[in-house]
Amino acid sequence: MKNKILILPLLLLALVGMVYAGTCTVNAPGASAVISGDSVFNISSTVNNTANCTITGSSALSGGSFTAYAMNYTGAPRNQSNVTITTSAQRDAADWSFDITCYNTTAVNQVTDTCSRTGITINNTIPIIDTCLIGGTTASTRTVSSSGTTFACTIYNATSANVFWRNAAGMSADDSSSSNTQCTNVAFSNSYGATGLQLSCNIYSINDASNTLYFNILDGADTVTGTSYTLSLEGTFNPGDPGQPDQTIITTITNALQNKMLVTFVIIVVVVLLFLVMGYYMVKKK
């Protein structure tokens, strides 16, 4: 009996100390909002006498995160707040989410409210395309000497990128539907570092009808198009490839002669044929 009497106060104390879980409301910023610079967050809590709310922002695309606090709850019943958060130092991206937890003023019975806002775009800067190289030297309009030549540019403050080929009419198409380019996968969050991020693509074939190459990069709010370079590839001819333009006999011979491996193969075939012919006549004479 005594044990039961002792347990009852402990149960009551445990109940008093339990954390109540409620749901707060983010009134601002609104869903899918674009914010920049100093932005106001307005939070309504179900907790009276709210002491503070912790606001944690994060972006998977940019790798950015930060924590801020709303502590200016005023007036009865002290359950709504406007807090200004500075975003100018944060990374631009369109996938920012904010998780919010609010607490009341009682230390023993600490009531908790939680809520979140997702799909927010932070837009303070414009992505940058810096130094570009083709085959390891400064990029320019040129003839590319071999298949597999690298096209690379350093970029800053971007969450995605595309490589495009453009034709004479100015139309763009991705590399899979025109010329053949294969790019290395990268972690775009690294583009926010001091040295930026290098995008690198290998050029394997160039369609004469769509031979102007360039990058465009995005941060979720802005798109920047880089300088374009008109290229041609020496010594390539792939008959029957729908991605290759129609070629005349003269063009075909010229391209074939430019391909050293093909020339070597032809010489070997001719020599073998000559030996076979000589052998045939020698056997016939006997």
C-alpha atoms as a PDB file:
ATOM      1  CA  MET A   1       0.000   0.000   0.000  1.00  0.00           C
ATOM      2  CA  LYS A   2       2.804   2.371   0.894  1.00  0.00           C
ATOM      3  CA  ASN A   3       4.491   1.599  -2.421  1.00  0.00           C
ATOM      4  CA  LYS A   4       1.313   2.537  -4.315  1.00  0.00           C
ATOM      5  CA  ILE A   5       1.105   5.824  -2.424  1.00  0.00           C
ATOM      6  CA  LEU A   6       4.708   6.617  -3.364  1.00  0.00           C
ATOM      7  CA  ILE A   7       4.187   5.735  -7.038  1.00  0.00           C
ATOM      8  CA  LEU A   8       1.177   8.019  -7.503  1.00  0.00           C
ATOM      9  CA  PRO A   9       3.083  11.313  -6.929  1.00  0.00           C
ATOM     10  CA  LEU A  10       5.808  10.117  -9.289  1.00  0.00           C
ATOM     11  CA  LEU A  11       3.258   9.434 -12.026  1.00  0.00           C
ATOM     12  CA  LEU A  12       1.720  12.872 -11.546  1.00  0.00           C
ATOM     13  CA  LEU A  13       5.144  14.496 -11.737  1.00  0.00           C
ATOM     14  CA  ALA A  14       5.885  12.589 -14.942  1.00  0.00           C
ATOM     15  CA  LEU A  15       2.627  13.735 -16.477  1.00  0.00           C
ATOM     16  CA  VAL A  16       3.360  17.336 -15.551  1.00  0.00           C
ATOM     17  CA  GLY A  17       6.811  17.077 -17.110  1.00  0.00           C
ATOM     18  CA  MET A  18       5.581  15.577 -20.397  1.00  0.00           C
ATOM     19  CA  VAL A  19       6.183  17.624 -23.536  1.00  0.00           C
ATOM     20  CA  TYR A  20       2.990  18.649 -25.299  1.00  0.00           C
ATOM     21  CA  ALA A  21       3.222  18.422 -29.088  1.00  0.00           C
ATOM     22  CA  GLY A  22       1.181  20.943 -31.055  1.00  0.00           C
ATOM     23  CA  THR A  23       1.267  22.393 -34.538  1.00  0.00           C
ATOM     24  CA  CYS A  24       2.346  25.935 -35.258  1.00  0.00           C
ATOM     25  CA  THR A  25       1.566  27.772 -38.507  1.00  0.00           C
ATOM     26  CA  VAL A  26       3.931  29.556 -40.887  1.00  0.00           C
ATOM     27  CA  ASN A  27       1.973  32.552 -42.162  1.00  0.00           C
ATOM     28  CA  ALA A  28       4.929  33.989 -44.054  1.00  0.00           C
ATOM     29  CA  PRO A  29       6.746  33.293 -46.275  1.00  0.00           C
ATOM     30  CA  GLY A  30       3.992  31.650 -48.309  1.00  0.00           C
ATOM     31  CA  ALA A  31       4.184  28.364 -50.190  1.00  0.00           C
ATOM     32  CA  SER A  32       6.710  28.389 -53.084  1.00  0.00           C
ATOM     33  CA  ALA A  33       7.789  31.922 -52.153  1.00  0.00           C
ATOM     34  CA  VAL A  34      10.978  33.501 -53.516  1.00  0.00           C
ATOM     35  CA  ILE A  35      12.888  35.353 -50.795  1.00  0.00           C
ATOM     36  CA  SER A  36      16.075  37.399 -50.716  1.00  0.00           C
ATOM     37  CA  GLY A  37      17.976  39.749 -48.419  1.00  0.00           C
ATOM     38  CA  ASP A  38      16.057  40.408 -45.186  1.00  0.00           C
ATOM     39  CA  SER A  39      12.869  38.335 -45.129  1.00  0.00           C
ATOM     40  CA  VAL A  40      10.073  38.359 -42.541  1.00  0.00           C
ATOM     41  CA  PHE A  41       8.905  35.074 -41.047  1.00  0.00           C
ATOM     42  CA  ASN A  42       5.497  35.204 -39.344  1.00  0.00           C
ATOM     43  CA  ILE A  43       4.715  32.261 -37.062  1.00  0.00           C
ATOM     44  CA  SER A  44       1.531  31.507 -35.102  1.00  0.00           C
ATOM     45  CA  SER A  45       1.885  29.048 -32.243  1.00  0.00           C
ATOM     46  CA  THR A  46      -0.737  27.051 -30.362  1.00  0.00           C
ATOM     47  CA  VAL A  47       1.416  27.575 -27.275  1.00  0.00           C
ATOM     48  CA  ASN A  48       0.519  30.520 -25.041  1.00  0.00           C
ATOM     49  CA  ASN A  49       3.375  32.461 -23.485  1.00  0.00           C
ATOM     50  CA  THR A  50       5.764  31.293 -26.188  1.00  0.00           C
ATOM     51  CA  ALA A  51       9.362  31.987 -25.242  1.00  0.00           C
ATOM     52  CA  ASN A  52      11.056  31.365 -28.579  1.00  0.00           C
ATOM     53  CA  CYS A  53      10.960  29.428 -31.841  1.00  0.00           C
ATOM     54  CA  THR A  54      13.955  27.822 -33.492  1.00  0.00           C
ATOM     55  CA  ILE A  55      13.971  28.119 -37.296  1.00  0.00           C
ATOM     56  CA  THR A  56      16.300  25.739 -39.151  1.00  0.00           C
ATOM     57  CA  GLY A  57      16.713  26.163 -42.907  1.00  0.00           C
ATOM     58  CA  SER A  58      18.347  23.631 -45.239  1.00  0.00           C
ATOM     59  CA  SER A  59      18.833  23.018 -48.965  1.00  0.00           C
ATOM     60  CA  ALA A  60      19.874  19.646 -50.369  1.00  0.00           C
ATOM     61  CA  LEU A  61      20.700  21.056 -53.826  1.00  0.00           C
ATOM     62  CA  SER A  62      23.068  23.759 -52.592  1.00  0.00           C
ATOM     63  CA  GLY A  63      24.221  22.027 -49.409  1.00  0.00           C
ATOM     64  CA  GLY A  64      23.384  25.177 -47.419  1.00  0.00           C
ATOM     65  CA  SER A  65      21.888  25.344 -43.925  1.00  0.00           C
ATOM     66  CA  PHE A  66      21.453  27.826 -41.069  1.00  0.00           C
ATOM     67  CA  THR A  67      19.556  28.343 -37.803  1.00  0.00           C
ATOM     68  CA  ALA A  68      17.721  31.461 -36.620  1.00  0.00           C
ATOM     69  CA  TYR A  69      15.559  32.285 -33.587  1.00  0.00           C
ATOM     70  CA  ALA A  70      12.230  34.088 -33.194  1.00  0.00           C
ATOM     71  CA  MET A  71      12.083  35.570 -29.690  1.00  0.00           C
ATOM     72  CA  ASN A  72       9.948  38.711 -29.975  1.00  0.00           C
ATOM     73  CA  TYR A  73       6.551  37.296 -28.969  1.00  0.00           C
ATOM     74  CA  THR A  74       4.563  40.147 -27.427  1.00  0.00           C
ATOM     75  CA  GLY A  75       1.067  40.804 -26.085  1.00  0.00           C
ATOM     76  CA  ALA A  76      -1.428  38.318 -24.658  1.00  0.00           C
ATOM     77  CA  PRO A  77      -1.454  35.421 -25.138  1.00  0.00           C
ATOM     78  CA  ARG A  78       2.043  35.753 -26.638  1.00  0.00           C
ATOM     79  CA  ASN A  79       1.604  33.204 -29.430  1.00  0.00           C
ATOM     80  CA  GLN A  80       2.482  35.029 -32.654  1.00  0.00           C
ATOM     81  CA  SER A  81       5.711  36.535 -33.896  1.00  0.00           C
ATOM     82  CA  ASN A  82       7.307  38.400 -36.779  1.00  0.00           C
ATOM     83  CA  VAL A  83      11.030  37.805 -37.089  1.00  0.00           C
ATOM     84  CA  THR A  84      13.348  39.160 -39.785  1.00  0.00           C
ATOM     85  CA  ILE A  85      15.871  36.654 -41.086  1.00  0.00           C
ATOM     86  CA  THR A  86      18.824  37.727 -43.231  1.00  0.00           C
ATOM     87  CA  THR A  87      19.286  35.373 -46.184  1.00  0.00           C
ATOM     88  CA  SER A  88      21.902  37.334 -48.132  1.00  0.00           C
ATOM     89  CA  ALA A  89      24.703  35.041 -46.966  1.00  0.00           C
ATOM     90  CA  GLN A  90      22.806  31.873 -47.931  1.00  0.00           C
ATOM     91  CA  ARG A  91      23.152  29.848 -51.108  1.00  0.00           C
ATOM     92  CA  ASP A  92      20.668  30.318 -53.935  1.00  0.00           C
ATOM     93  CA  ALA A  93      18.461  27.280 -54.561  1.00  0.00           C
ATOM     94  CA  ALA A  94      14.812  26.401 -55.136  1.00  0.00           C
ATOM     95  CA  ASP A  95      14.539  23.610 -52.565  1.00  0.00           C
ATOM     96  CA  TRP A  96      14.960  25.412 -49.235  1.00  0.00           C
ATOM     97  CA  SER A  97      12.887  24.027 -46.363  1.00  0.00           C
ATOM     98  CA  PHE A  98      12.402  25.538 -42.901  1.00  0.00           C
ATOM     99  CA  ASP A  99      11.642  23.417 -39.831  1.00  0.00           C
ATOM    100  CA  ILE A 100      10.292  25.368 -36.861  1.00  0.00           C
ATOM    101  CA  THR A 101      10.003  24.386 -33.191  1.00  0.00           C
ATOM    102  CA  CYS A 102       8.390  26.704 -30.600  1.00  0.00           C
ATOM    103  CA  TYR A 103       8.693  26.468 -26.796  1.00  0.00           C
ATOM    104  CA  ASN A 104       6.760  28.021 -23.907  1.00  0.00           C
ATOM    105  CA  THR A 105       8.210  29.772 -20.846  1.00  0.00           C
ATOM    106  CA  THR A 106       7.836  26.981 -18.274  1.00  0.00           C
ATOM    107  CA  ALA A 107      11.034  25.076 -17.722  1.00  0.00           C
ATOM    108  CA  VAL A 108       9.430  22.012 -16.122  1.00  0.00           C
ATOM    109  CA  ASN A 109       6.434  21.683 -18.422  1.00  0.00           C
ATOM    110  CA  GLN A 110       8.045  22.722 -21.712  1.00  0.00           C
ATOM    111  CA  VAL A 111       5.364  22.771 -24.385  1.00  0.00           C
ATOM    112  CA  THR A 112       6.522  22.202 -27.984  1.00  0.00           C
ATOM    113  CA  ASP A 113       4.942  23.300 -31.278  1.00  0.00           C
ATOM    114  CA  THR A 114       6.351  22.212 -34.626  1.00  0.00           C
ATOM    115  CA  CYS A 115       5.670  23.217 -38.222  1.00  0.00           C
ATOM    116  CA  SER A 116       7.536  23.614 -41.503  1.00  0.00           C
ATOM    117  CA  ARG A 117       7.602  25.425 -44.824  1.00  0.00           C
ATOM    118  CA  THR A 118       9.092  23.715 -47.893  1.00  0.00           C
ATOM    119  CA  GLY A 119       9.775  24.613 -51.529  1.00  0.00           C
ATOM    120  CA  ILE A 120      11.136  28.092 -50.779  1.00  0.00           C
ATOM    121  CA  THR A 121      13.549  29.711 -53.254  1.00  0.00           C
ATOM    122  CA  ILE A 122      16.383  31.884 -51.962  1.00  0.00           C
ATOM    123  CA  ASN A 123      17.560  34.193 -54.735  1.00  0.00           C
ATOM    124  CA  ASN A 124      20.334  36.645 -53.913  1.00  0.00           C
ATOM    125  CA  THR A 125      22.926  36.042 -56.626  1.00  0.00           C
ATOM    126  CA  ILE A 126      23.260  35.049 -60.289  1.00  0.00           C
ATOM    127  CA  PRO A 127      25.284  31.947 -61.216  1.00  0.00           C
ATOM    128  CA  ILE A 128      28.574  32.513 -63.022  1.00  0.00           C
ATOM    129  CA  ILE A 129      30.317  30.677 -65.871  1.00  0.00           C
ATOM    130  CA  ASP A 130      34.011  31.445 -65.698  1.00  0.00           C
ATOM    131  CA  THR A 131      37.038  30.033 -67.544  1.00  0.00           C
ATOM    132  CA  CYS A 132      36.259  27.534 -70.324  1.00  0.00           C
ATOM    133  CA  LEU A 133      38.761  25.135 -71.898  1.00  0.00           C
ATOM    134  CA  ILE A 134      38.651  22.885 -74.959  1.00  0.00           C
ATOM    135  CA  GLY A 135      41.298  20.200 -75.025  1.00  0.00           C
ATOM    136  CA  GLY A 136      43.047  21.840 -72.078  1.00  0.00           C
ATOM    137  CA  THR A 137      43.528  25.241 -73.735  1.00  0.00           C
ATOM    138  CA  THR A 138      41.411  28.399 -73.742  1.00  0.00           C
ATOM    139  CA  ALA A 139      38.116  27.665 -75.496  1.00  0.00           C
ATOM    140  CA  SER A 140      37.577  29.098 -78.976  1.00  0.00           C
ATOM    141  CA  THR A 141      35.902  28.250 -82.287  1.00  0.00           C
ATOM    142  CA  ARG A 142      38.148  25.588 -83.784  1.00  0.00           C
ATOM    143  CA  THR A 143      38.651  22.152 -85.302  1.00  0.00           C
ATOM    144  CA  VAL A 144      38.881  19.461 -82.635  1.00  0.00           C
ATOM    145  CA  SER A 145      41.688  17.068 -83.497  1.00  0.00           C
ATOM    146  CA  SER A 146      40.411  13.875 -81.891  1.00  0.00           C
ATOM    147  CA  SER A 147      37.352  12.173 -80.459  1.00  0.00           C
ATOM    148  CA  GLY A 148      37.169  12.432 -76.669  1.00  0.00           C
ATOM    149  CA  THR A 149      38.405  16.030 -76.505  1.00  0.00           C
ATOM    150  CA  THR A 150      37.246  17.659 -73.256  1.00  0.00           C
ATOM    151  CA  PHE A 151      35.039  20.746 -73.032  1.00  0.00           C
ATOM    152  CA  ALA A 152      35.226  22.172 -69.488  1.00  0.00           C
ATOM    153  CA  CYS A 153      34.066  25.337 -67.731  1.00  0.00           C
ATOM    154  CA  THR A 154      34.363  26.546 -64.132  1.00  0.00           C
ATOM    155  CA  ILE A 155      31.041  27.617 -62.616  1.00  0.00           C
ATOM    156  CA  TYR A 156      29.910  29.305 -59.407  1.00  0.00           C
ATOM    157  CA  ASN A 157      26.640  29.337 -57.418  1.00  0.00           C
ATOM    158  CA  ALA A 158      24.630  26.861 -59.504  1.00  0.00           C
ATOM    159  CA  THR A 159      22.482  23.835 -58.633  1.00  0.00           C
ATOM    160  CA  SER A 160      22.238  22.309 -62.134  1.00  0.00           C
ATOM    161  CA  ALA A 161      23.627  22.645 -65.657  1.00  0.00           C
ATOM    162  CA  ASN A 162      23.022  21.559 -69.259  1.00  0.00           C
ATOM    163  CA  VAL A 163      25.310  21.207 -72.246  1.00  0.00           C
ATOM    164  CA  PHE A 164      23.687  22.182 -75.546  1.00  0.00           C
ATOM    165  CA  TRP A 165      24.451  22.129 -79.260  1.00  0.00           C
ATOM    166  CA  ARG A 166      22.991  24.924 -81.392  1.00  0.00           C
ATOM    167  CA  ASN A 167      22.510  24.942 -85.158  1.00  0.00           C
ATOM    168  CA  ALA A 168      22.867  27.813 -87.619  1.00  0.00           C
ATOM    169  CA  ALA A 169      19.255  28.885 -87.053  1.00  0.00           C
ATOM    170  CA  GLY A 170      19.926  29.346 -83.351  1.00  0.00           C
ATOM    171  CA  MET A 171      17.861  26.351 -82.260  1.00  0.00           C
ATOM    172  CA  SER A 172      19.153  24.345 -79.293  1.00  0.00           C
ATOM    173  CA  ALA A 173      19.019  20.618 -78.689  1.00  0.00           C
ATOM    174  CA  ASP A 174      20.506  18.430 -76.006  1.00  0.00           C
ATOM    175  CA  ASP A 175      23.550  16.382 -76.921  1.00  0.00           C
ATOM    176  CA  SER A 176      21.659  13.079 -77.143  1.00  0.00           C
ATOM    177  CA  SER A 177      19.587  14.238 -80.137  1.00  0.00           C
ATOM    178  CA  SER A 178      22.387  15.839 -82.158  1.00  0.00           C
ATOM    179  CA  SER A 179      26.105  15.682 -81.524  1.00  0.00           C
ATOM    180  CA  ASN A 180      27.451  13.200 -79.022  1.00  0.00           C
ATOM    181  CA  THR A 181      28.798  14.537 -75.715  1.00  0.00           C
ATOM    182  CA  GLN A 182      29.210  12.668 -72.440  1.00  0.00           C
ATOM    183  CA  CYS A 183      29.551  14.683 -69.218  1.00  0.00           C
ATOM    184  CA  THR A 184      30.966  13.769 -65.823  1.00  0.00           C
ATOM    185  CA  ASN A 185      28.547  13.754 -62.880  1.00  0.00           C
ATOM    186  CA  VAL A 186      29.374  16.396 -60.272  1.00  0.00           C
ATOM    187  CA  ALA A 187      28.166  17.579 -56.846  1.00  0.00           C
ATOM    188  CA  PHE A 188      26.774  21.029 -57.595  1.00  0.00           C
ATOM    189  CA  SER A 189      26.970  22.074 -53.929  1.00  0.00           C
ATOM    190  CA  ASN A 190      30.723  22.415 -54.562  1.00  0.00           C
ATOM    191  CA  SER A 191      30.029  25.306 -56.954  1.00  0.00           C
ATOM    192  CA  TYR A 192      29.451  27.538 -53.910  1.00  0.00           C
ATOM    193  CA  GLY A 193      33.069  27.224 -52.777  1.00  0.00           C
ATOM    194  CA  ALA A 194      35.771  29.818 -53.372  1.00  0.00           C
ATOM    195  CA  THR A 195      37.261  27.860 -56.299  1.00  0.00           C
ATOM    196  CA  GLY A 196      33.925  26.996 -57.915  1.00  0.00           C
ATOM    197  CA  LEU A 197      33.194  23.721 -59.693  1.00  0.00           C
ATOM    198  CA  GLN A 198      34.488  22.433 -63.029  1.00  0.00           C
ATOM    199  CA  LEU A 199      31.929  20.995 -65.458  1.00  0.00           C
ATOM    200  CA  SER A 200      33.592  18.583 -67.873  1.00  0.00           C
ATOM    201  CA  CYS A 201      32.231  16.874 -71.020  1.00  0.00           C
ATOM    202  CA  ASN A 202      33.965  14.680 -73.611  1.00  0.00           C
ATOM    203  CA  ILE A 203      33.144  15.414 -77.260  1.00  0.00           C
ATOM    204  CA  TYR A 204      32.794  12.200 -79.301  1.00  0.00           C
ATOM    205  CA  SER A 205      31.063  13.344 -82.490  1.00  0.00           C
ATOM    206  CA  ILE A 206      29.923  16.586 -84.047  1.00  0.00           C
ATOM    207  CA  ASN A 207      26.970  16.904 -86.389  1.00  0.00           C
ATOM    208  CA  ASP A 208      27.663  19.574 -89.024  1.00  0.00           C
ATOM    209  CA  ALA A 209      24.042  20.710 -88.788  1.00  0.00           C
ATOM    210  CA  SER A 210      24.307  21.340 -85.048  1.00  0.00           C
ATOM    211  CA  ASN A 211      27.898  22.142 -84.146  1.00  0.00           C
ATOM    212  CA  THR A 212      27.874  25.107 -81.738  1.00  0.00           C
ATOM    213  CA  LEU A 213      28.519  24.004 -78.163  1.00  0.00           C
ATOM    214  CA  TYR A 214      27.794  25.809 -74.887  1.00  0.00           C
ATOM    215  CA  PHE A 215      26.728  25.372 -71.258  1.00  0.00           C
ATOM    216  CA  ASN A 216      23.829  26.908 -69.435  1.00  0.00           C
ATOM    217  CA  ILE A 217      23.633  26.813 -65.643  1.00  0.00           C
ATOM    218  CA  LEU A 218      20.783  27.347 -63.181  1.00  0.00           C
ATOM    219  CA  ASP A 219      20.308  28.122 -59.493  1.00  0.00           C
ATOM    220  CA  GLY A 220      16.554  27.538 -59.290  1.00  0.00           C
ATOM    221  CA  ALA A 221      15.652  31.149 -60.069  1.00  0.00           C
ATOM    222  CA  ASP A 222      18.154  32.344 -62.697  1.00  0.00           C
ATOM    223  CA  THR A 223      19.561  30.760 -65.853  1.00  0.00           C
ATOM    224  CA  VAL A 224      22.884  31.884 -67.328  1.00  0.00           C
ATOM    225  CA  THR A 225      24.051  30.896 -70.828  1.00  0.00           C
ATOM    226  CA  GLY A 226      27.778  30.669 -71.454  1.00  0.00           C
ATOM    227  CA  THR A 227      29.795  31.615 -74.519  1.00  0.00           C
ATOM    228  CA  SER A 228      29.185  29.288 -77.485  1.00  0.00           C
ATOM    229  CA  TYR A 229      31.923  27.698 -79.599  1.00  0.00           C
ATOM    230  CA  THR A 230      31.474  26.391 -83.168  1.00  0.00           C
ATOM    231  CA  LEU A 231      33.462  23.175 -83.542  1.00  0.00           C
ATOM    232  CA  SER A 232      34.313  20.556 -86.153  1.00  0.00           C
ATOM    233  CA  LEU A 233      35.892  17.164 -85.595  1.00  0.00           C
ATOM    234  CA  GLU A 234      38.757  16.008 -87.812  1.00  0.00           C
ATOM    235  CA  GLY A 235      38.654  12.688 -89.587  1.00  0.00           C
ATOM    236  CA  THR A 236      35.261  11.343 -88.530  1.00  0.00           C
ATOM    237  CA  PHE A 237      32.754   9.696 -90.813  1.00  0.00           C
ATOM    238  CA  ASN A 238      30.183   7.207 -89.599  1.00  0.00           C
ATOM    239  CA  PRO A 239      28.079   6.057 -92.584  1.00  0.00           C
ATOM    240  CA  GLY A 240      24.537   5.070 -91.746  1.00  0.00           C
ATOM    241  CA  ASP A 241      24.521   7.127 -88.540  1.00  0.00           C
ATOM    242  CA  PRO A 242      21.349   9.261 -88.593  1.00  0.00           C
ATOM    243  CA  GLY A 243      23.160  11.777 -86.431  1.00  0.00           C
ATOM    244  CA  GLN A 244      25.681  12.448 -89.220  1.00  0.00           C
ATOM    245  CA  PRO A 245      24.874  14.776 -92.155  1.00  0.00           C
ATOM    246  CA  ASP A 246      24.781  13.549 -95.779  1.00  0.00           C
ATOM    247  CA  GLN A 247      28.251  13.751 -97.343  1.00  0.00           C
ATOM    248  CA  THR A 248      29.510  13.780-100.931  1.00  0.00           C
ATOM    249  CA  ILE A 249      32.067  11.258-102.244  1.00  0.00           C
ATOM    250  CA  ILE A 250      34.790  13.915-102.130  1.00  0.00           C
ATOM    251  CA  THR A 251      33.946  14.783 -98.516  1.00  0.00           C
ATOM    252  CA  THR A 252      33.914  11.101 -97.597  1.00  0.00           C
ATOM    253  CA  ILE A 253      37.356  10.484 -99.164  1.00  0.00           C
ATOM    254  CA  THR A 254      38.760  13.604 -97.515  1.00  0.00           C
ATOM    255  CA  ASN A 255      37.502  12.579 -94.097  1.00  0.00           C
ATOM    256  CA  ALA A 256      38.755   9.038 -94.575  1.00  0.00           C
ATOM    257  CA  LEU A 257      42.236  10.236 -95.516  1.00  0.00           C
ATOM    258  CA  GLN A 258      42.335  12.380 -92.390  1.00  0.00           C
ATOM    259  CA  ASN A 259      41.809   9.339 -90.235  1.00  0.00           C
ATOM    260  CA  LYS A 260      45.269   7.848 -89.722  1.00  0.00           C
ATOM    261  CA  MET A 261      43.982   4.558 -88.355  1.00  0.00           C
ATOM    262  CA  LEU A 262      41.802   4.026 -91.406  1.00  0.00           C
ATOM    263  CA  VAL A 263      44.699   4.848 -93.761  1.00  0.00           C
ATOM    264  CA  THR A 264      46.920   2.325 -91.965  1.00  0.00           C
ATOM    265  CA  PHE A 265      44.211  -0.318 -92.211  1.00  0.00           C
ATOM    266  CA  VAL A 266      43.762   0.314 -95.947  1.00  0.00           C
ATOM    267  CA  ILE A 267      47.544   0.001 -96.556  1.00  0.00           C
ATOM    268  CA  ILE A 268      47.625  -3.333 -94.715  1.00  0.00           C
ATOM    269  CA  VAL A 269      44.677  -4.632 -96.746  1.00  0.00           C
ATOM    270  CA  VAL A 270      46.333  -3.564-100.043  1.00  0.00           C
ATOM    271  CA  VAL A 271      49.620  -5.256 -99.099  1.00  0.00           C
ATOM    272  CA  VAL A 272      47.825  -8.483 -98.168  1.00  0.00           C
ATOM    273  CA  LEU A 273      45.923  -8.441-101.474  1.00  0.00           C
ATOM    274  CA  LEU A 274      49.166  -7.924-103.421  1.00  0.00           C
ATOM    275  CA  PHE A 275      50.767 -10.931-101.705  1.00  0.00           C
ATOM    276  CA  LEU A 276      47.701 -13.041-102.453  1.00  0.00           C
ATOM    277  CA  VAL A 277      47.774 -12.052-106.143  1.00  0.00           C
ATOM    278  CA  MET A 278      51.517 -12.746-106.406  1.00  0.00           C
ATOM    279  CA  GLY A 279      51.045 -16.116-104.739  1.00  0.00           C
ATOM    280  CA  TYR A 280      48.229 -16.987-107.114  1.00  0.00           C
ATOM    281  CA  TYR A 281      50.340 -16.285-110.233  1.00  0.00           C
ATOM    282  CA  MET A 282      53.359 -18.136-108.846  1.00  0.00           C
ATOM    283  CA  VAL A 283      51.246 -21.244-108.232  1.00  0.00           C
ATOM    284  CA  LYS A 284      49.678 -20.915-111.678  1.00  0.00           C
ATOM    285  CA  LYS A 285      53.096 -20.803-113.423  1.00  0.00           C
ATOM    286  CA  LYS A 286      54.097 -24.058-111.801  1.00  0.00           C
END
